[in-house]
Amino acid sequence: METFVNKVAESGIVTIDLEEYIPNEILVFDLKDHLFMGLILKEKDFREALKKEDWEKYRSKPVAITCSQDAVIPMWAYMLVSSYLQPYASDIFFGDEPFARNALMNNNISQIDIKDFAGKRVVIKGCGEKEIPASAYVEITRLIRPVVKSIMYGEPCSTVPIFKSQSTAVNN
């Protein structure tokens, strides 16, 4: 009887699936909803609207503060919204939802303990069900390159080489 050997499993290759670092829900606070006629920020009305806002819905959630309307918004307005959000939101970003998602994902990736990959051959998974921003691939490469033996992109059975350490002793 012939025994089949899984060469990929025996290769010692470690796979990093960036889908694991995608943040869950991100809420958006859009200042356009608090503008007079959708264009003008009236300080008194704006402050009154913020006092009436249900801030509890932002509890423990990351929030992106933005204004999707082409309006002139004074800097203090963003600061005021941030001040109201701070006791509730887990993270606060200035920018739209995609910007906040990228920033959170890169932050999640930066929390990886690179010692787990020291001297290893690593494949950064390239195919999946969810879209991964290019910034995440750049961040993981920047993070692990100093300690790994090699970095590849794709799947363990079919990879594109990205980096290979030139020394036998990997720098830590």
C-alpha atoms as a PDB file:
ATOM      1  CA  MET A   1       0.000   0.000   0.000  1.00  0.00           C
ATOM      2  CA  GLU A   2       1.336   3.402  -1.010  1.00  0.00           C
ATOM      3  CA  THR A   3       1.502   6.105   1.680  1.00  0.00           C
ATOM      4  CA  PHE A   4       0.709   9.640   0.652  1.00  0.00           C
ATOM      5  CA  VAL A   5       2.853  12.352   2.177  1.00  0.00           C
ATOM      6  CA  ASN A   6       1.537  15.892   2.577  1.00  0.00           C
ATOM      7  CA  LYS A   7       4.679  17.765   1.583  1.00  0.00           C
ATOM      8  CA  VAL A   8       3.094  21.145   2.340  1.00  0.00           C
ATOM      9  CA  ALA A   9       2.272  20.103   5.908  1.00  0.00           C
ATOM     10  CA  GLU A  10       5.779  18.729   6.430  1.00  0.00           C
ATOM     11  CA  SER A  11       7.516  21.785   4.964  1.00  0.00           C
ATOM     12  CA  GLY A  12       7.304  23.833   8.151  1.00  0.00           C
ATOM     13  CA  ILE A  13       5.649  26.688   6.307  1.00  0.00           C
ATOM     14  CA  VAL A  14       3.533  28.959   8.506  1.00  0.00           C
ATOM     15  CA  THR A  15       0.506  30.645   6.936  1.00  0.00           C
ATOM     16  CA  ILE A  16      -0.785  34.043   7.991  1.00  0.00           C
ATOM     17  CA  ASP A  17      -4.394  34.668   7.007  1.00  0.00           C
ATOM     18  CA  LEU A  18      -4.970  38.428   7.081  1.00  0.00           C
ATOM     19  CA  GLU A  19      -8.752  37.886   7.155  1.00  0.00           C
ATOM     20  CA  GLU A  20      -8.280  37.109  10.855  1.00  0.00           C
ATOM     21  CA  TYR A  21      -7.237  40.737  11.426  1.00  0.00           C
ATOM     22  CA  ILE A  22     -10.172  42.418   9.667  1.00  0.00           C
ATOM     23  CA  PRO A  23     -12.051  44.576  12.167  1.00  0.00           C
ATOM     24  CA  ASN A  24     -15.702  43.882  12.750  1.00  0.00           C
ATOM     25  CA  GLU A  25     -18.242  46.686  12.737  1.00  0.00           C
ATOM     26  CA  ILE A  26     -17.153  50.298  12.319  1.00  0.00           C
ATOM     27  CA  LEU A  27     -19.677  53.055  12.932  1.00  0.00           C
ATOM     28  CA  VAL A  28     -19.621  56.384  11.120  1.00  0.00           C
ATOM     29  CA  PHE A  29     -20.510  59.738  12.646  1.00  0.00           C
ATOM     30  CA  ASP A  30     -21.296  61.940   9.653  1.00  0.00           C
ATOM     31  CA  LEU A  31     -21.418  65.647  10.433  1.00  0.00           C
ATOM     32  CA  LYS A  32     -23.621  66.256   7.377  1.00  0.00           C
ATOM     33  CA  ASP A  33     -26.547  64.985   9.444  1.00  0.00           C
ATOM     34  CA  HIS A  34     -26.089  67.977  11.765  1.00  0.00           C
ATOM     35  CA  LEU A  35     -25.679  70.746   9.189  1.00  0.00           C
ATOM     36  CA  PHE A  36     -28.263  73.421   8.477  1.00  0.00           C
ATOM     37  CA  MET A  37     -29.671  72.690   5.010  1.00  0.00           C
ATOM     38  CA  GLY A  38     -26.966  70.036   4.737  1.00  0.00           C
ATOM     39  CA  LEU A  39     -24.345  72.725   4.099  1.00  0.00           C
ATOM     40  CA  ILE A  40     -23.810  75.073   7.034  1.00  0.00           C
ATOM     41  CA  LEU A  41     -22.686  74.371  10.547  1.00  0.00           C
ATOM     42  CA  LYS A  42     -24.491  76.614  13.003  1.00  0.00           C
ATOM     43  CA  GLU A  43     -22.640  76.390  16.299  1.00  0.00           C
ATOM     44  CA  LYS A  44     -25.637  76.711  18.627  1.00  0.00           C
ATOM     45  CA  ASP A  45     -27.730  74.169  16.693  1.00  0.00           C
ATOM     46  CA  PHE A  46     -24.774  71.808  16.312  1.00  0.00           C
ATOM     47  CA  ARG A  47     -24.003  71.831  20.032  1.00  0.00           C
ATOM     48  CA  GLU A  48     -27.691  71.258  20.843  1.00  0.00           C
ATOM     49  CA  ALA A  49     -27.879  68.329  18.406  1.00  0.00           C
ATOM     50  CA  LEU A  50     -24.790  66.723  19.972  1.00  0.00           C
ATOM     51  CA  LYS A  51     -26.354  66.991  23.434  1.00  0.00           C
ATOM     52  CA  LYS A  52     -29.394  65.082  22.140  1.00  0.00           C
ATOM     53  CA  GLU A  53     -27.389  62.406  20.293  1.00  0.00           C
ATOM     54  CA  ASP A  54     -27.710  58.820  21.576  1.00  0.00           C
ATOM     55  CA  TRP A  55     -24.027  58.263  22.318  1.00  0.00           C
ATOM     56  CA  GLU A  56     -24.706  54.860  23.868  1.00  0.00           C
ATOM     57  CA  LYS A  57     -24.994  53.312  20.379  1.00  0.00           C
ATOM     58  CA  TYR A  58     -21.261  53.933  19.972  1.00  0.00           C
ATOM     59  CA  ARG A  59     -20.324  52.016  23.147  1.00  0.00           C
ATOM     60  CA  SER A  60     -17.272  49.791  22.619  1.00  0.00           C
ATOM     61  CA  LYS A  61     -17.321  50.356  18.856  1.00  0.00           C
ATOM     62  CA  PRO A  62     -14.733  52.006  16.628  1.00  0.00           C
ATOM     63  CA  VAL A  63     -16.089  55.216  15.101  1.00  0.00           C
ATOM     64  CA  ALA A  64     -15.035  57.175  12.027  1.00  0.00           C
ATOM     65  CA  ILE A  65     -15.806  60.889  12.159  1.00  0.00           C
ATOM     66  CA  THR A  66     -16.379  62.358   8.719  1.00  0.00           C
ATOM     67  CA  CYS A  67     -18.417  64.835   6.736  1.00  0.00           C
ATOM     68  CA  SER A  68     -19.659  63.360   3.476  1.00  0.00           C
ATOM     69  CA  GLN A  69     -21.018  66.726   2.379  1.00  0.00           C
ATOM     70  CA  ASP A  70     -18.767  69.251   0.657  1.00  0.00           C
ATOM     71  CA  ALA A  71     -19.068  71.846   3.417  1.00  0.00           C
ATOM     72  CA  VAL A  72     -16.649  74.021   5.334  1.00  0.00           C
ATOM     73  CA  ILE A  73     -16.400  72.471   8.786  1.00  0.00           C
ATOM     74  CA  PRO A  74     -14.423  74.261  11.498  1.00  0.00           C
ATOM     75  CA  MET A  75     -11.804  72.098  13.210  1.00  0.00           C
ATOM     76  CA  TRP A  76     -13.431  72.533  16.623  1.00  0.00           C
ATOM     77  CA  ALA A  77     -16.528  70.673  15.351  1.00  0.00           C
ATOM     78  CA  TYR A  78     -14.532  67.473  14.819  1.00  0.00           C
ATOM     79  CA  MET A  79     -12.907  67.967  18.207  1.00  0.00           C
ATOM     80  CA  LEU A  80     -16.293  68.426  19.859  1.00  0.00           C
ATOM     81  CA  VAL A  81     -17.655  65.218  18.324  1.00  0.00           C
ATOM     82  CA  SER A  82     -14.507  63.383  19.430  1.00  0.00           C
ATOM     83  CA  SER A  83     -14.981  64.734  22.946  1.00  0.00           C
ATOM     84  CA  TYR A  84     -18.521  63.339  23.070  1.00  0.00           C
ATOM     85  CA  LEU A  85     -17.456  59.987  21.598  1.00  0.00           C
ATOM     86  CA  GLN A  86     -14.429  59.442  23.792  1.00  0.00           C
ATOM     87  CA  PRO A  87     -16.228  57.953  26.831  1.00  0.00           C
ATOM     88  CA  TYR A  88     -18.121  55.501  24.593  1.00  0.00           C
ATOM     89  CA  ALA A  89     -16.155  54.511  21.484  1.00  0.00           C
ATOM     90  CA  SER A  90     -13.367  51.934  21.579  1.00  0.00           C
ATOM     91  CA  ASP A  91     -11.439  53.882  18.910  1.00  0.00           C
ATOM     92  CA  ILE A  92     -12.027  57.180  17.151  1.00  0.00           C
ATOM     93  CA  PHE A  93     -10.717  58.059  13.687  1.00  0.00           C
ATOM     94  CA  PHE A  94     -10.950  61.115  11.508  1.00  0.00           C
ATOM     95  CA  GLY A  95     -11.878  59.904   8.056  1.00  0.00           C
ATOM     96  CA  ASP A  96     -14.373  57.716   6.282  1.00  0.00           C
ATOM     97  CA  GLU A  97     -15.220  54.095   7.044  1.00  0.00           C
ATOM     98  CA  PRO A  98     -12.644  52.575   4.639  1.00  0.00           C
ATOM     99  CA  PHE A  99      -9.907  54.721   6.189  1.00  0.00           C
ATOM    100  CA  ALA A 100     -10.892  53.614   9.708  1.00  0.00           C
ATOM    101  CA  ARG A 101     -11.075  49.966   8.592  1.00  0.00           C
ATOM    102  CA  ASN A 102      -7.539  50.135   7.146  1.00  0.00           C
ATOM    103  CA  ALA A 103      -6.177  51.871  10.248  1.00  0.00           C
ATOM    104  CA  LEU A 104      -7.796  49.329  12.567  1.00  0.00           C
ATOM    105  CA  MET A 105      -6.608  46.402  10.492  1.00  0.00           C
ATOM    106  CA  ASN A 106      -3.045  47.709  10.466  1.00  0.00           C
ATOM    107  CA  ASN A 107      -3.284  48.227  14.220  1.00  0.00           C
ATOM    108  CA  ASN A 108      -4.503  44.634  14.653  1.00  0.00           C
ATOM    109  CA  ILE A 109      -1.606  43.377  12.539  1.00  0.00           C
ATOM    110  CA  SER A 110       0.920  45.442  14.509  1.00  0.00           C
ATOM    111  CA  GLN A 111      -0.147  43.534  17.652  1.00  0.00           C
ATOM    112  CA  ILE A 112       1.240  40.267  16.229  1.00  0.00           C
ATOM    113  CA  ASP A 113       4.072  38.812  18.307  1.00  0.00           C
ATOM    114  CA  ILE A 114       6.770  38.541  15.660  1.00  0.00           C
ATOM    115  CA  LYS A 115       8.780  36.146  17.848  1.00  0.00           C
ATOM    116  CA  ASP A 116       6.296  33.468  16.764  1.00  0.00           C
ATOM    117  CA  PHE A 117       7.671  33.776  13.221  1.00  0.00           C
ATOM    118  CA  ALA A 118      11.402  34.028  13.976  1.00  0.00           C
ATOM    119  CA  GLY A 119      13.385  31.921  11.528  1.00  0.00           C
ATOM    120  CA  LYS A 120      10.248  30.551   9.861  1.00  0.00           C
ATOM    121  CA  ARG A 121       9.136  30.315   6.269  1.00  0.00           C
ATOM    122  CA  VAL A 122       5.911  32.335   6.080  1.00  0.00           C
ATOM    123  CA  VAL A 123       3.157  32.442   3.485  1.00  0.00           C
ATOM    124  CA  ILE A 124       0.849  35.438   3.525  1.00  0.00           C
ATOM    125  CA  LYS A 125      -2.451  33.996   2.324  1.00  0.00           C
ATOM    126  CA  GLY A 126      -3.490  35.686  -0.885  1.00  0.00           C
ATOM    127  CA  CYS A 127      -6.957  34.366  -1.626  1.00  0.00           C
ATOM    128  CA  GLY A 128      -9.986  34.577   0.547  1.00  0.00           C
ATOM    129  CA  GLU A 129     -13.608  35.495   0.824  1.00  0.00           C
ATOM    130  CA  LYS A 130     -13.036  39.033   2.139  1.00  0.00           C
ATOM    131  CA  GLU A 131     -11.171  41.881   0.490  1.00  0.00           C
ATOM    132  CA  ILE A 132      -7.868  42.684   2.159  1.00  0.00           C
ATOM    133  CA  PRO A 133      -6.482  46.209   1.636  1.00  0.00           C
ATOM    134  CA  ALA A 134      -3.000  46.533   0.158  1.00  0.00           C
ATOM    135  CA  SER A 135      -1.946  48.422   3.294  1.00  0.00           C
ATOM    136  CA  ALA A 136      -2.405  45.211   5.321  1.00  0.00           C
ATOM    137  CA  TYR A 137       0.004  43.295   3.072  1.00  0.00           C
ATOM    138  CA  VAL A 138       2.522  46.121   3.325  1.00  0.00           C
ATOM    139  CA  GLU A 139       2.186  46.210   7.129  1.00  0.00           C
ATOM    140  CA  ILE A 140       2.596  42.455   7.665  1.00  0.00           C
ATOM    141  CA  THR A 141       5.637  42.408   5.379  1.00  0.00           C
ATOM    142  CA  ARG A 142       7.192  45.367   7.196  1.00  0.00           C
ATOM    143  CA  LEU A 143       6.528  43.733  10.544  1.00  0.00           C
ATOM    144  CA  ILE A 144       7.817  40.205   9.990  1.00  0.00           C
ATOM    145  CA  ARG A 145      10.618  40.710   7.444  1.00  0.00           C
ATOM    146  CA  PRO A 146      13.309  41.382  10.066  1.00  0.00           C
ATOM    147  CA  VAL A 147      12.796  37.984  11.740  1.00  0.00           C
ATOM    148  CA  VAL A 148      11.605  35.456   9.151  1.00  0.00           C
ATOM    149  CA  LYS A 149      13.585  33.096   6.968  1.00  0.00           C
ATOM    150  CA  SER A 150      11.340  33.838   3.992  1.00  0.00           C
ATOM    151  CA  ILE A 151       8.075  35.487   2.982  1.00  0.00           C
ATOM    152  CA  MET A 152       5.850  34.170   0.234  1.00  0.00           C
ATOM    153  CA  TYR A 153       2.474  35.312  -1.071  1.00  0.00           C
ATOM    154  CA  GLY A 154      -0.380  33.029  -2.109  1.00  0.00           C
ATOM    155  CA  GLU A 155      -1.182  29.529  -0.885  1.00  0.00           C
ATOM    156  CA  PRO A 156       1.343  26.989   0.460  1.00  0.00           C
ATOM    157  CA  CYS A 157       0.883  24.871  -2.701  1.00  0.00           C
ATOM    158  CA  SER A 158       1.427  27.840  -5.048  1.00  0.00           C
ATOM    159  CA  THR A 159       3.385  30.847  -3.855  1.00  0.00           C
ATOM    160  CA  VAL A 160       5.144  33.923  -5.149  1.00  0.00           C
ATOM    161  CA  PRO A 161       8.455  34.565  -3.361  1.00  0.00           C
ATOM    162  CA  ILE A 162       8.658  37.992  -1.722  1.00  0.00           C
ATOM    163  CA  PHE A 163      11.711  37.842   0.541  1.00  0.00           C
ATOM    164  CA  LYS A 164      14.423  35.363   1.457  1.00  0.00           C
ATOM    165  CA  SER A 165      16.968  35.962   4.177  1.00  0.00           C
ATOM    166  CA  GLN A 166      20.497  36.068   2.814  1.00  0.00           C
ATOM    167  CA  SER A 167      22.063  34.821   6.046  1.00  0.00           C
ATOM    168  CA  THR A 168      21.679  31.523   7.785  1.00  0.00           C
ATOM    169  CA  ALA A 169      21.150  33.328  11.082  1.00  0.00           C
ATOM    170  CA  VAL A 170      18.034  35.432  10.928  1.00  0.00           C
ATOM    171  CA  ASN A 171      18.375  38.867  12.538  1.00  0.00           C
ATOM    172  CA  ASN A 172      16.100  39.436  15.513  1.00  0.00           C
END
